[in-house]
């Protein structure tokens, strides 16, 4: 009887880790079909697909010429549309509170639809009390891409260093006018438990199961 109780407690801990860890980001998959839960500016929206800005005809992602979500039906699309005389910055951000040791996860692509020296740029930063980190950046100093070079869907996993309130911000903009548009795509933003925490819980369940069989 005690062994059964032990298994139920361990299972509850594992389920709690998985469910509570995913609850801190609002509308991280954009499955509401809009930007609910996010703060944004510029040319930003939710889409089911985007036509690639590949005017050079390079063999690169997306191979069929369209960007699609990595999960669900929608993703967020930030454009660096060309407005003469302005940098035309588009931003998407969300503030959330989370515990140390959990993982921030998201998917992104950057469709660099321009050529040198018209460097449309993109950037993702995560900031919290007294600190910040850059999670990706393109076409800033030292991070230049080749002409019309696409970065296909890429997954970022970052271990949150402290129990704190964080701000996650995505930015894309035109570097120099005139030029062509670029697109930054974002999807599947969530907080997930570190693999070790889930593995430890599952290992505990396994050991408890062995003990229960021995006592049966």
N, C-alpha and C. Protein backbone atom coordinates (compact mmCIF):
# COMPACT_ATOMS: atom_id res chain seq x y z
N UNK A 1 0.83 -1.21 0.00
CA UNK A 1 0.00 0.00 0.00
C UNK A 1 0.87 1.26 0.00
N UNK A 2 1.97 1.21 0.81
CA UNK A 2 2.87 2.35 0.86
C UNK A 2 3.56 2.56 -0.48
N UNK A 3 3.89 1.42 -1.15
CA UNK A 3 4.55 1.52 -2.46
C UNK A 3 3.64 2.19 -3.48
N UNK A 4 2.36 1.85 -3.46
CA UNK A 4 1.41 2.46 -4.38
C UNK A 4 1.31 3.97 -4.12
N UNK A 5 1.32 4.34 -2.86
CA UNK A 5 1.25 5.74 -2.50
C UNK A 5 2.49 6.48 -3.00
N UNK A 6 3.66 5.81 -2.88
CA UNK A 6 4.93 6.39 -3.32
C UNK A 6 4.91 6.65 -4.82
N UNK A 7 4.37 5.70 -5.59
CA UNK A 7 4.28 5.85 -7.04
C UNK A 7 3.38 7.02 -7.40
N UNK A 8 2.24 7.12 -6.74
CA UNK A 8 1.30 8.20 -7.03
C UNK A 8 1.91 9.56 -6.74
N UNK A 9 2.68 9.66 -5.65
CA UNK A 9 3.32 10.93 -5.30
C UNK A 9 4.35 11.31 -6.37
N UNK A 10 5.18 10.34 -6.79
CA UNK A 10 6.18 10.61 -7.81
C UNK A 10 5.54 11.02 -9.13
N UNK A 11 4.47 10.32 -9.50
CA UNK A 11 3.77 10.64 -10.73
C UNK A 11 3.20 12.05 -10.68
N UNK A 12 2.66 12.42 -9.53
CA UNK A 12 2.10 13.76 -9.36
C UNK A 12 3.18 14.83 -9.51
N UNK A 13 4.38 14.54 -8.97
CA UNK A 13 5.49 15.49 -9.07
C UNK A 13 5.90 15.69 -10.52
N UNK A 14 6.03 14.58 -11.26
CA UNK A 14 6.42 14.66 -12.67
C UNK A 14 5.39 15.42 -13.48
N UNK A 15 4.11 15.11 -13.28
CA UNK A 15 3.04 15.79 -14.01
C UNK A 15 2.99 17.27 -13.66
N UNK A 16 3.27 17.57 -12.40
CA UNK A 16 3.26 18.97 -11.97
C UNK A 16 4.38 19.74 -12.64
N UNK A 17 5.56 19.13 -12.73
CA UNK A 17 6.69 19.75 -13.41
C UNK A 17 6.34 20.07 -14.85
N UNK A 18 5.75 19.11 -15.54
CA UNK A 18 5.45 19.28 -16.97
C UNK A 18 4.36 20.31 -17.20
N UNK A 19 3.30 20.27 -16.38
CA UNK A 19 2.17 21.16 -16.63
C UNK A 19 2.44 22.58 -16.18
N UNK A 20 3.00 22.75 -14.97
CA UNK A 20 3.21 24.10 -14.48
C UNK A 20 4.29 24.80 -15.26
N UNK A 21 5.30 24.05 -15.74
CA UNK A 21 6.39 24.66 -16.48
C UNK A 21 5.91 25.25 -17.80
N UNK A 22 4.85 24.69 -18.36
CA UNK A 22 4.38 25.14 -19.66
C UNK A 22 3.36 26.28 -19.55
N UNK A 23 3.04 26.71 -18.35
CA UNK A 23 1.93 27.64 -18.18
C UNK A 23 2.35 29.10 -18.16
N UNK A 24 3.66 29.38 -18.19
CA UNK A 24 4.11 30.75 -17.99
C UNK A 24 4.07 31.59 -19.26
N UNK A 25 4.16 30.99 -20.43
CA UNK A 25 4.08 31.72 -21.69
C UNK A 25 2.63 31.70 -22.18
N UNK A 26 2.10 32.86 -22.50
CA UNK A 26 0.73 32.95 -23.00
C UNK A 26 0.74 32.90 -24.53
N UNK A 27 -0.06 32.00 -25.07
CA UNK A 27 -0.23 31.92 -26.53
C UNK A 27 1.11 31.76 -27.25
N UNK A 28 1.96 30.88 -26.71
CA UNK A 28 3.30 30.70 -27.28
C UNK A 28 3.30 30.04 -28.64
N UNK A 29 2.23 29.31 -28.97
CA UNK A 29 2.12 28.69 -30.28
C UNK A 29 1.28 29.50 -31.25
N UNK A 30 0.74 30.65 -30.78
CA UNK A 30 -0.08 31.56 -31.60
C UNK A 30 -1.32 30.88 -32.16
N UNK A 31 -1.79 29.86 -31.43
CA UNK A 31 -2.93 29.09 -31.93
C UNK A 31 -4.27 29.79 -31.73
N UNK A 32 -4.26 30.97 -31.09
CA UNK A 32 -5.47 31.78 -31.06
C UNK A 32 -5.71 32.44 -32.42
N UNK A 33 -4.69 32.38 -33.27
CA UNK A 33 -4.79 33.04 -34.57
C UNK A 33 -4.51 34.52 -34.51
N UNK A 34 -4.09 35.01 -33.34
CA UNK A 34 -3.73 36.41 -33.20
C UNK A 34 -2.56 36.53 -32.24
N UNK A 35 -2.24 37.74 -31.83
CA UNK A 35 -1.07 37.99 -30.97
C UNK A 35 -1.46 38.20 -29.51
N UNK A 36 -2.56 37.59 -29.08
CA UNK A 36 -2.99 37.69 -27.68
C UNK A 36 -1.85 37.26 -26.76
N UNK A 37 -1.63 38.07 -25.70
CA UNK A 37 -0.59 37.75 -24.74
C UNK A 37 0.75 38.37 -25.07
N UNK A 38 0.90 38.92 -26.27
CA UNK A 38 2.17 39.49 -26.71
C UNK A 38 2.04 41.01 -26.88
N UNK A 39 3.16 41.69 -26.73
CA UNK A 39 3.27 43.11 -27.06
C UNK A 39 4.03 43.21 -28.38
N UNK A 40 3.55 44.05 -29.29
CA UNK A 40 4.18 44.09 -30.60
C UNK A 40 4.10 45.48 -31.20
N UNK A 41 4.96 45.72 -32.18
CA UNK A 41 4.95 46.97 -32.92
C UNK A 41 5.47 46.71 -34.32
N UNK A 42 5.14 47.60 -35.26
CA UNK A 42 5.58 47.42 -36.63
C UNK A 42 4.69 46.46 -37.39
N UNK A 43 5.27 45.76 -38.36
CA UNK A 43 4.51 44.85 -39.22
C UNK A 43 4.65 43.43 -38.67
N UNK A 44 3.71 43.05 -37.80
CA UNK A 44 3.74 41.76 -37.12
C UNK A 44 2.34 41.15 -37.18
N UNK A 45 2.26 39.86 -37.40
CA UNK A 45 0.96 39.20 -37.41
C UNK A 45 1.11 37.70 -37.27
N UNK A 46 -0.01 37.00 -37.21
CA UNK A 46 0.01 35.54 -37.20
C UNK A 46 -0.45 35.04 -38.57
N UNK A 47 0.23 34.01 -39.05
CA UNK A 47 -0.05 33.49 -40.40
C UNK A 47 -0.02 31.97 -40.37
N UNK A 48 -0.62 31.36 -41.37
CA UNK A 48 -0.54 29.91 -41.53
C UNK A 48 0.61 29.51 -42.43
N UNK A 49 1.09 30.47 -43.26
CA UNK A 49 2.24 30.22 -44.12
C UNK A 49 2.76 31.57 -44.63
N UNK A 50 3.99 31.56 -45.10
CA UNK A 50 4.59 32.75 -45.71
C UNK A 50 5.36 32.31 -46.96
N UNK A 51 5.27 33.11 -48.02
CA UNK A 51 6.03 32.86 -49.23
C UNK A 51 7.46 33.34 -49.02
N UNK A 52 8.43 32.49 -49.30
CA UNK A 52 9.83 32.82 -49.05
C UNK A 52 10.28 34.01 -49.91
N UNK A 53 11.14 34.86 -49.35
CA UNK A 53 11.65 36.04 -50.05
C UNK A 53 12.95 35.67 -50.76
N UNK A 54 12.90 34.72 -51.68
CA UNK A 54 14.10 34.16 -52.30
C UNK A 54 14.18 34.55 -53.77
N UNK A 55 14.59 35.80 -54.03
CA UNK A 55 14.62 36.27 -55.41
C UNK A 55 15.84 35.79 -56.19
N UNK A 56 16.85 35.21 -55.50
CA UNK A 56 18.02 34.69 -56.19
C UNK A 56 17.86 33.23 -56.59
N UNK A 57 16.79 32.59 -56.11
CA UNK A 57 16.56 31.20 -56.49
C UNK A 57 17.56 30.22 -55.91
N UNK A 58 18.05 30.49 -54.71
CA UNK A 58 19.05 29.61 -54.09
C UNK A 58 18.41 28.32 -53.58
N UNK A 59 19.21 27.25 -53.54
CA UNK A 59 18.74 25.99 -52.95
C UNK A 59 18.96 26.09 -51.44
N UNK A 60 17.92 26.40 -50.73
CA UNK A 60 18.00 26.61 -49.29
C UNK A 60 16.59 26.52 -48.72
N UNK A 61 16.48 26.43 -47.40
CA UNK A 61 15.14 26.36 -46.82
C UNK A 61 14.39 27.67 -47.04
N UNK A 62 13.05 27.55 -47.24
CA UNK A 62 12.25 26.32 -47.34
C UNK A 62 12.28 25.78 -48.77
N UNK A 63 12.49 24.50 -48.92
CA UNK A 63 12.72 23.92 -50.24
C UNK A 63 11.51 24.02 -51.16
N UNK A 64 10.30 24.06 -50.57
CA UNK A 64 9.11 24.18 -51.42
C UNK A 64 8.67 25.63 -51.61
N UNK A 65 9.46 26.57 -51.07
CA UNK A 65 9.15 27.98 -51.27
C UNK A 65 8.20 28.60 -50.28
N UNK A 66 7.74 27.83 -49.27
CA UNK A 66 6.81 28.35 -48.28
C UNK A 66 7.27 28.00 -46.87
N UNK A 67 7.10 28.94 -45.97
CA UNK A 67 7.34 28.69 -44.54
C UNK A 67 6.03 28.24 -43.91
N UNK A 68 6.09 27.18 -43.09
CA UNK A 68 4.93 26.66 -42.37
C UNK A 68 5.24 26.56 -40.88
N UNK A 69 4.21 26.49 -40.01
CA UNK A 69 4.45 26.37 -38.57
C UNK A 69 5.23 25.10 -38.22
N UNK A 70 5.95 25.14 -37.12
CA UNK A 70 6.61 23.93 -36.63
C UNK A 70 5.66 23.10 -35.79
N UNK A 71 4.59 23.71 -35.30
CA UNK A 71 3.54 22.99 -34.58
C UNK A 71 2.25 23.77 -34.72
N UNK A 72 1.14 23.07 -34.71
CA UNK A 72 -0.15 23.74 -34.81
C UNK A 72 -0.39 24.33 -36.18
N UNK A 73 -1.22 25.37 -36.22
CA UNK A 73 -1.66 25.94 -37.49
C UNK A 73 -1.12 27.34 -37.78
N UNK A 74 -0.51 28.01 -36.77
CA UNK A 74 -0.08 29.39 -36.93
C UNK A 74 1.34 29.59 -36.44
N UNK A 75 1.97 30.65 -36.94
CA UNK A 75 3.20 31.16 -36.35
C UNK A 75 3.20 32.67 -36.47
N UNK A 76 4.08 33.32 -35.73
CA UNK A 76 4.18 34.78 -35.79
C UNK A 76 5.17 35.18 -36.87
N UNK A 77 4.82 36.24 -37.61
CA UNK A 77 5.63 36.71 -38.73
C UNK A 77 5.95 38.19 -38.53
N UNK A 78 7.26 38.51 -38.47
CA UNK A 78 7.71 39.90 -38.32
C UNK A 78 8.40 40.31 -39.62
N UNK A 79 7.97 41.43 -40.19
CA UNK A 79 8.51 41.88 -41.47
C UNK A 79 9.35 43.15 -41.32
N UNK A 80 10.40 43.21 -42.12
CA UNK A 80 11.19 44.45 -42.22
C UNK A 80 10.78 45.14 -43.52
N UNK A 81 9.55 45.60 -43.60
CA UNK A 81 9.06 46.24 -44.82
C UNK A 81 9.79 47.56 -45.04
N UNK A 82 10.00 47.88 -46.30
CA UNK A 82 10.80 49.05 -46.65
C UNK A 82 9.96 50.31 -46.71
N UNK A 83 10.17 51.16 -45.75
CA UNK A 83 9.55 52.48 -45.74
C UNK A 83 10.66 53.50 -45.85
N UNK A 84 10.71 54.21 -46.94
CA UNK A 84 11.81 55.12 -47.22
C UNK A 84 11.96 56.15 -46.10
N UNK A 85 13.21 56.27 -45.63
CA UNK A 85 13.52 57.26 -44.61
C UNK A 85 13.38 56.78 -43.19
N UNK A 86 12.94 55.53 -43.00
CA UNK A 86 12.83 54.98 -41.65
C UNK A 86 13.51 53.62 -41.61
N UNK A 87 13.84 53.17 -40.42
CA UNK A 87 14.45 51.85 -40.24
C UNK A 87 13.38 50.77 -40.22
N UNK A 88 12.17 51.15 -39.90
CA UNK A 88 11.02 50.24 -39.90
C UNK A 88 11.27 49.00 -39.05
N UNK A 89 11.33 49.20 -37.76
CA UNK A 89 11.57 48.11 -36.81
C UNK A 89 10.26 47.41 -36.47
N UNK A 90 10.28 46.08 -36.47
CA UNK A 90 9.14 45.28 -35.99
C UNK A 90 9.58 44.49 -34.77
N UNK A 91 8.78 44.51 -33.72
CA UNK A 91 9.15 43.82 -32.48
C UNK A 91 7.99 42.97 -31.97
N UNK A 92 8.34 41.93 -31.24
CA UNK A 92 7.37 41.04 -30.59
C UNK A 92 7.97 40.64 -29.25
N UNK A 93 7.24 40.85 -28.17
CA UNK A 93 7.82 40.56 -26.85
C UNK A 93 6.75 40.06 -25.88
N UNK A 94 7.22 39.40 -24.84
CA UNK A 94 6.36 38.97 -23.76
C UNK A 94 7.16 38.90 -22.47
N UNK A 95 6.53 39.35 -21.38
CA UNK A 95 7.12 39.27 -20.04
C UNK A 95 6.49 38.10 -19.30
N UNK A 96 7.33 37.29 -18.65
CA UNK A 96 6.83 36.12 -17.93
C UNK A 96 7.69 35.88 -16.70
N UNK A 97 7.14 35.15 -15.75
CA UNK A 97 7.86 34.78 -14.53
C UNK A 97 8.08 33.28 -14.54
N UNK A 98 9.30 32.86 -14.18
CA UNK A 98 9.60 31.44 -14.20
C UNK A 98 10.67 31.11 -13.17
N UNK A 99 10.83 29.82 -12.92
CA UNK A 99 11.78 29.35 -11.92
C UNK A 99 13.13 29.02 -12.54
N UNK A 100 14.17 29.12 -11.74
CA UNK A 100 15.51 28.76 -12.18
C UNK A 100 15.56 27.29 -12.57
N UNK A 101 16.33 26.99 -13.61
CA UNK A 101 16.53 25.61 -14.02
C UNK A 101 15.57 25.11 -15.07
N UNK A 102 14.47 25.83 -15.31
CA UNK A 102 13.56 25.45 -16.38
C UNK A 102 14.13 25.94 -17.72
N UNK A 103 13.59 25.40 -18.80
CA UNK A 103 14.11 25.73 -20.13
C UNK A 103 13.14 26.61 -20.90
N UNK A 104 13.66 27.70 -21.45
CA UNK A 104 12.92 28.47 -22.44
C UNK A 104 13.16 27.83 -23.81
N UNK A 105 12.09 27.54 -24.52
CA UNK A 105 12.19 26.90 -25.83
C UNK A 105 11.40 27.72 -26.85
N UNK A 106 11.96 27.86 -28.05
CA UNK A 106 11.19 28.43 -29.15
C UNK A 106 11.84 28.05 -30.48
N UNK A 107 11.07 28.16 -31.55
CA UNK A 107 11.55 27.93 -32.91
C UNK A 107 11.53 29.25 -33.67
N UNK A 108 12.52 29.45 -34.55
CA UNK A 108 12.54 30.66 -35.37
C UNK A 108 13.15 30.36 -36.73
N UNK A 109 12.81 31.19 -37.72
CA UNK A 109 13.55 31.24 -38.97
C UNK A 109 13.81 32.69 -39.30
N UNK A 110 14.86 32.94 -40.10
CA UNK A 110 15.11 34.29 -40.60
C UNK A 110 15.32 34.20 -42.10
N UNK A 111 14.39 34.79 -42.83
CA UNK A 111 14.42 34.82 -44.29
C UNK A 111 15.01 36.17 -44.69
N UNK A 112 16.32 36.17 -44.95
CA UNK A 112 17.02 37.40 -45.29
C UNK A 112 16.81 37.70 -46.76
N UNK A 113 15.78 38.48 -47.04
CA UNK A 113 15.39 38.74 -48.42
C UNK A 113 16.07 39.93 -49.03
N UNK A 114 17.33 40.18 -48.66
CA UNK A 114 18.03 41.35 -49.17
C UNK A 114 19.48 40.97 -49.47
N UNK A 115 20.26 41.94 -49.89
CA UNK A 115 21.67 41.71 -50.24
C UNK A 115 22.53 42.78 -49.60
N UNK A 116 23.83 42.49 -49.50
CA UNK A 116 24.76 43.49 -48.98
C UNK A 116 24.82 44.67 -49.96
N UNK A 117 24.93 45.91 -49.49
CA UNK A 117 25.10 46.29 -48.09
C UNK A 117 23.79 46.63 -47.37
N UNK A 118 22.66 46.17 -47.93
CA UNK A 118 21.36 46.49 -47.34
C UNK A 118 20.99 45.44 -46.31
N UNK A 119 21.70 45.45 -45.21
CA UNK A 119 21.59 44.36 -44.25
C UNK A 119 20.37 44.50 -43.35
N UNK A 120 19.26 43.89 -43.74
CA UNK A 120 18.15 43.73 -42.80
C UNK A 120 18.66 42.87 -41.65
N UNK A 121 18.30 43.23 -40.43
CA UNK A 121 18.86 42.50 -39.30
C UNK A 121 17.75 41.94 -38.41
N UNK A 122 18.12 40.92 -37.63
CA UNK A 122 17.19 40.32 -36.67
C UNK A 122 17.94 39.99 -35.39
N UNK A 123 17.19 39.96 -34.30
CA UNK A 123 17.81 39.81 -32.98
C UNK A 123 16.78 39.25 -32.01
N UNK A 124 17.25 38.41 -31.08
CA UNK A 124 16.40 37.95 -29.98
C UNK A 124 17.17 38.12 -28.68
N UNK A 125 16.56 38.80 -27.72
CA UNK A 125 17.19 38.97 -26.41
C UNK A 125 16.26 38.49 -25.30
N UNK A 126 16.86 38.01 -24.24
CA UNK A 126 16.14 37.65 -23.02
C UNK A 126 16.77 38.46 -21.89
N UNK A 127 15.96 39.24 -21.20
CA UNK A 127 16.49 40.09 -20.12
C UNK A 127 15.74 39.83 -18.83
N UNK A 128 16.45 40.03 -17.73
CA UNK A 128 15.88 39.90 -16.40
C UNK A 128 16.65 40.83 -15.48
N UNK A 129 16.32 40.85 -14.22
CA UNK A 129 16.88 41.83 -13.29
C UNK A 129 18.41 41.83 -13.34
N UNK A 130 18.97 42.92 -13.82
CA UNK A 130 20.42 43.11 -13.80
C UNK A 130 21.20 42.36 -14.86
N UNK A 131 20.51 41.69 -15.81
CA UNK A 131 21.26 40.91 -16.79
C UNK A 131 20.44 40.69 -18.05
N UNK A 132 21.12 40.22 -19.11
CA UNK A 132 20.44 39.88 -20.36
C UNK A 132 21.36 38.97 -21.17
N UNK A 133 20.76 38.31 -22.16
CA UNK A 133 21.52 37.44 -23.05
C UNK A 133 20.93 37.55 -24.45
N UNK A 134 21.79 37.47 -25.46
CA UNK A 134 21.35 37.43 -26.84
C UNK A 134 21.22 35.97 -27.27
N UNK A 135 20.04 35.57 -27.73
CA UNK A 135 19.80 34.18 -28.08
C UNK A 135 20.04 33.91 -29.56
N UNK A 136 19.88 34.93 -30.41
CA UNK A 136 20.37 34.85 -31.79
C UNK A 136 20.47 36.26 -32.33
N UNK A 137 21.31 36.45 -33.34
CA UNK A 137 21.40 37.74 -34.04
C UNK A 137 22.00 37.52 -35.42
N UNK A 138 21.47 38.29 -36.38
CA UNK A 138 21.94 38.20 -37.77
C UNK A 138 22.07 39.59 -38.36
N UNK A 139 23.15 39.77 -39.10
CA UNK A 139 23.46 40.99 -39.84
C UNK A 139 23.75 42.18 -38.95
N UNK A 140 24.10 41.92 -37.70
CA UNK A 140 24.74 42.93 -36.87
C UNK A 140 26.25 42.73 -37.07
N UNK A 141 27.05 43.60 -36.52
CA UNK A 141 28.49 43.54 -36.74
C UNK A 141 29.07 42.18 -36.35
N UNK A 142 29.73 41.54 -37.31
CA UNK A 142 30.33 40.23 -37.05
C UNK A 142 29.39 39.07 -37.24
N UNK A 143 28.14 39.34 -37.62
CA UNK A 143 27.15 38.27 -37.79
C UNK A 143 26.44 38.39 -39.14
N UNK A 144 27.19 38.85 -40.16
CA UNK A 144 26.59 39.08 -41.46
C UNK A 144 26.31 37.76 -42.19
N UNK A 145 25.18 37.73 -42.90
CA UNK A 145 24.82 36.60 -43.74
C UNK A 145 25.23 36.88 -45.18
N UNK A 146 25.26 35.83 -45.98
CA UNK A 146 25.46 36.01 -47.41
C UNK A 146 24.20 36.61 -48.03
N UNK A 147 24.30 37.09 -49.25
CA UNK A 147 23.15 37.67 -49.94
C UNK A 147 21.98 36.68 -49.97
N UNK A 148 20.80 37.18 -49.55
CA UNK A 148 19.58 36.39 -49.66
C UNK A 148 19.71 35.01 -49.01
N UNK A 149 20.41 34.95 -47.87
CA UNK A 149 20.65 33.66 -47.19
C UNK A 149 19.58 33.42 -46.13
N UNK A 150 18.93 32.27 -46.19
CA UNK A 150 17.89 31.94 -45.22
C UNK A 150 18.44 31.07 -44.09
N UNK A 151 17.98 31.35 -42.89
CA UNK A 151 18.21 30.49 -41.74
C UNK A 151 16.92 29.72 -41.52
N UNK A 152 16.93 28.40 -41.79
CA UNK A 152 15.72 27.60 -41.66
C UNK A 152 15.26 27.47 -40.22
N UNK A 153 14.08 26.88 -40.03
CA UNK A 153 13.54 26.72 -38.67
C UNK A 153 14.61 26.13 -37.76
N UNK A 154 14.86 26.82 -36.67
CA UNK A 154 15.90 26.44 -35.70
C UNK A 154 15.30 26.48 -34.31
N UNK A 155 15.63 25.49 -33.50
CA UNK A 155 15.10 25.45 -32.13
C UNK A 155 16.15 25.97 -31.15
N UNK A 156 15.71 26.87 -30.27
CA UNK A 156 16.55 27.40 -29.20
C UNK A 156 16.07 26.82 -27.88
N UNK A 157 17.02 26.35 -27.08
CA UNK A 157 16.75 25.91 -25.71
C UNK A 157 17.72 26.66 -24.79
N UNK A 158 17.17 27.37 -23.83
CA UNK A 158 18.02 28.16 -22.92
C UNK A 158 17.58 27.91 -21.48
N UNK A 159 18.53 27.53 -20.64
CA UNK A 159 18.24 27.26 -19.23
C UNK A 159 18.12 28.57 -18.47
N UNK A 160 16.97 28.79 -17.87
CA UNK A 160 16.74 30.03 -17.12
C UNK A 160 17.60 30.03 -15.86
N UNK A 161 18.42 31.06 -15.67
CA UNK A 161 19.42 31.03 -14.59
C UNK A 161 18.90 31.39 -13.21
N UNK A 162 17.71 31.96 -13.13
CA UNK A 162 17.22 32.43 -11.83
C UNK A 162 15.70 32.41 -11.81
N UNK A 163 15.16 32.33 -10.60
CA UNK A 163 13.72 32.52 -10.44
C UNK A 163 13.48 34.02 -10.51
N UNK A 164 12.82 34.45 -11.58
CA UNK A 164 12.79 35.88 -11.86
C UNK A 164 11.68 36.19 -12.87
N UNK A 165 11.49 37.47 -13.12
CA UNK A 165 10.62 37.93 -14.19
C UNK A 165 11.49 38.24 -15.40
N UNK A 166 11.13 37.68 -16.55
CA UNK A 166 11.93 37.79 -17.77
C UNK A 166 11.15 38.54 -18.84
N UNK A 167 11.90 39.16 -19.75
CA UNK A 167 11.29 39.70 -20.96
C UNK A 167 11.99 39.09 -22.17
N UNK A 168 11.21 38.40 -23.00
CA UNK A 168 11.70 37.81 -24.25
C UNK A 168 11.29 38.74 -25.38
N UNK A 169 12.25 39.18 -26.19
CA UNK A 169 11.94 40.12 -27.26
C UNK A 169 12.59 39.71 -28.58
N UNK A 170 11.79 39.72 -29.64
CA UNK A 170 12.26 39.46 -31.00
C UNK A 170 12.17 40.76 -31.79
N UNK A 171 13.20 41.02 -32.62
CA UNK A 171 13.23 42.25 -33.39
C UNK A 171 13.75 41.96 -34.80
N UNK A 172 13.18 42.61 -35.80
CA UNK A 172 13.76 42.62 -37.14
C UNK A 172 13.54 44.00 -37.73
N UNK A 173 14.45 44.42 -38.63
CA UNK A 173 14.37 45.77 -39.17
C UNK A 173 15.17 45.88 -40.45
N UNK A 174 14.84 46.90 -41.26
CA UNK A 174 15.65 47.24 -42.41
C UNK A 174 16.92 47.94 -41.93
N UNK A 175 18.04 47.56 -42.53
CA UNK A 175 19.29 48.19 -42.14
C UNK A 175 19.55 49.47 -42.89
N UNK A 176 19.45 49.42 -44.22
CA UNK A 176 19.72 50.58 -45.07
C UNK A 176 18.66 50.63 -46.16
N UNK A 177 18.18 51.80 -46.48
CA UNK A 177 17.22 51.98 -47.56
C UNK A 177 17.93 52.33 -48.86
N UNK A 178 17.38 52.00 -50.02
CA UNK A 178 16.23 51.11 -50.19
C UNK A 178 16.68 49.66 -50.17
N UNK A 179 15.76 48.75 -50.27
CA UNK A 179 16.11 47.33 -50.27
C UNK A 179 14.87 46.48 -50.37
N UNK A 180 15.02 45.21 -50.03
CA UNK A 180 13.91 44.27 -50.06
C UNK A 180 13.55 43.85 -48.65
N UNK A 181 12.35 43.26 -48.51
CA UNK A 181 11.89 42.86 -47.19
C UNK A 181 12.56 41.57 -46.73
N UNK A 182 12.62 41.40 -45.41
CA UNK A 182 13.02 40.15 -44.79
C UNK A 182 11.94 39.74 -43.80
N UNK A 183 11.94 38.45 -43.43
CA UNK A 183 10.91 37.93 -42.53
C UNK A 183 11.57 37.17 -41.39
N UNK A 184 11.10 37.43 -40.18
CA UNK A 184 11.48 36.66 -39.00
C UNK A 184 10.26 35.89 -38.52
N UNK A 185 10.35 34.57 -38.48
CA UNK A 185 9.24 33.74 -38.04
C UNK A 185 9.49 33.17 -36.65
N UNK A 186 8.44 33.12 -35.82
CA UNK A 186 8.55 32.63 -34.44
C UNK A 186 7.40 31.66 -34.17
N UNK A 187 7.71 30.54 -33.50
CA UNK A 187 6.67 29.56 -33.16
C UNK A 187 7.10 28.76 -31.94
N UNK A 188 6.09 28.11 -31.32
CA UNK A 188 6.34 27.09 -30.29
C UNK A 188 7.14 27.64 -29.11
N UNK A 189 6.76 28.82 -28.63
CA UNK A 189 7.44 29.42 -27.47
C UNK A 189 6.83 28.84 -26.20
N UNK A 190 7.66 28.23 -25.37
CA UNK A 190 7.15 27.65 -24.13
C UNK A 190 8.26 27.48 -23.11
N UNK A 191 7.84 27.26 -21.87
CA UNK A 191 8.76 26.91 -20.79
C UNK A 191 8.59 25.42 -20.52
N UNK A 192 9.68 24.68 -20.55
CA UNK A 192 9.61 23.23 -20.38
C UNK A 192 10.56 22.82 -19.26
N UNK A 193 10.28 21.69 -18.59
CA UNK A 193 11.18 21.22 -17.55
C UNK A 193 12.48 20.72 -18.16
N UNK A 194 13.56 20.85 -17.39
CA UNK A 194 14.83 20.31 -17.84
C UNK A 194 14.71 18.80 -17.97
N UNK A 195 15.31 18.20 -19.00
CA UNK A 195 15.19 16.75 -19.19
C UNK A 195 15.58 15.94 -17.96
N UNK A 196 16.57 16.43 -17.22
CA UNK A 196 17.02 15.71 -16.03
C UNK A 196 15.94 15.59 -14.97
N UNK A 197 15.11 16.63 -14.82
CA UNK A 197 14.06 16.59 -13.81
C UNK A 197 13.02 15.53 -14.14
N UNK A 198 12.63 15.47 -15.42
CA UNK A 198 11.66 14.46 -15.83
C UNK A 198 12.26 13.07 -15.74
N UNK A 199 13.53 12.94 -16.17
CA UNK A 199 14.20 11.64 -16.12
C UNK A 199 14.30 11.14 -14.70
N UNK A 200 14.63 12.04 -13.76
CA UNK A 200 14.73 11.65 -12.36
C UNK A 200 13.39 11.16 -11.84
N UNK A 201 12.32 11.86 -12.21
CA UNK A 201 11.01 11.43 -11.78
C UNK A 201 10.62 10.08 -12.35
N UNK A 202 10.91 9.88 -13.64
CA UNK A 202 10.59 8.61 -14.27
C UNK A 202 11.43 7.48 -13.70
N UNK A 203 12.69 7.78 -13.37
CA UNK A 203 13.56 6.77 -12.75
C UNK A 203 12.99 6.37 -11.40
N UNK A 204 12.49 7.36 -10.67
CA UNK A 204 11.88 7.06 -9.38
C UNK A 204 10.67 6.17 -9.55
N UNK A 205 9.86 6.43 -10.57
CA UNK A 205 8.70 5.60 -10.85
C UNK A 205 9.12 4.18 -11.18
N UNK A 206 10.20 4.06 -11.94
CA UNK A 206 10.69 2.74 -12.33
C UNK A 206 11.15 1.95 -11.12
N UNK A 207 11.91 2.61 -10.25
CA UNK A 207 12.39 1.94 -9.04
C UNK A 207 11.22 1.53 -8.15
N UNK A 208 10.26 2.43 -8.01
CA UNK A 208 9.09 2.11 -7.20
C UNK A 208 8.32 0.95 -7.78
N UNK A 209 8.26 0.86 -9.11
CA UNK A 209 7.57 -0.24 -9.76
C UNK A 209 8.24 -1.57 -9.47
N UNK A 210 9.57 -1.54 -9.47
CA UNK A 210 10.33 -2.76 -9.15
C UNK A 210 10.06 -3.19 -7.73
N UNK A 211 10.07 -2.24 -6.82
CA UNK A 211 9.81 -2.54 -5.41
C UNK A 211 8.40 -3.13 -5.24
N UNK A 212 7.44 -2.55 -5.98
CA UNK A 212 6.08 -3.02 -5.85
C UNK A 212 5.95 -4.45 -6.34
N UNK A 213 6.63 -4.77 -7.46
CA UNK A 213 6.57 -6.15 -7.96
C UNK A 213 7.20 -7.12 -6.98
N UNK A 214 8.28 -6.69 -6.32
CA UNK A 214 8.95 -7.57 -5.37
C UNK A 214 8.07 -7.86 -4.16
N UNK A 215 7.23 -6.89 -3.81
CA UNK A 215 6.39 -7.06 -2.64
C UNK A 215 5.07 -7.75 -2.98
N UNK A 216 4.80 -7.90 -4.29
CA UNK A 216 3.52 -8.49 -4.71
C UNK A 216 3.49 -9.99 -4.40
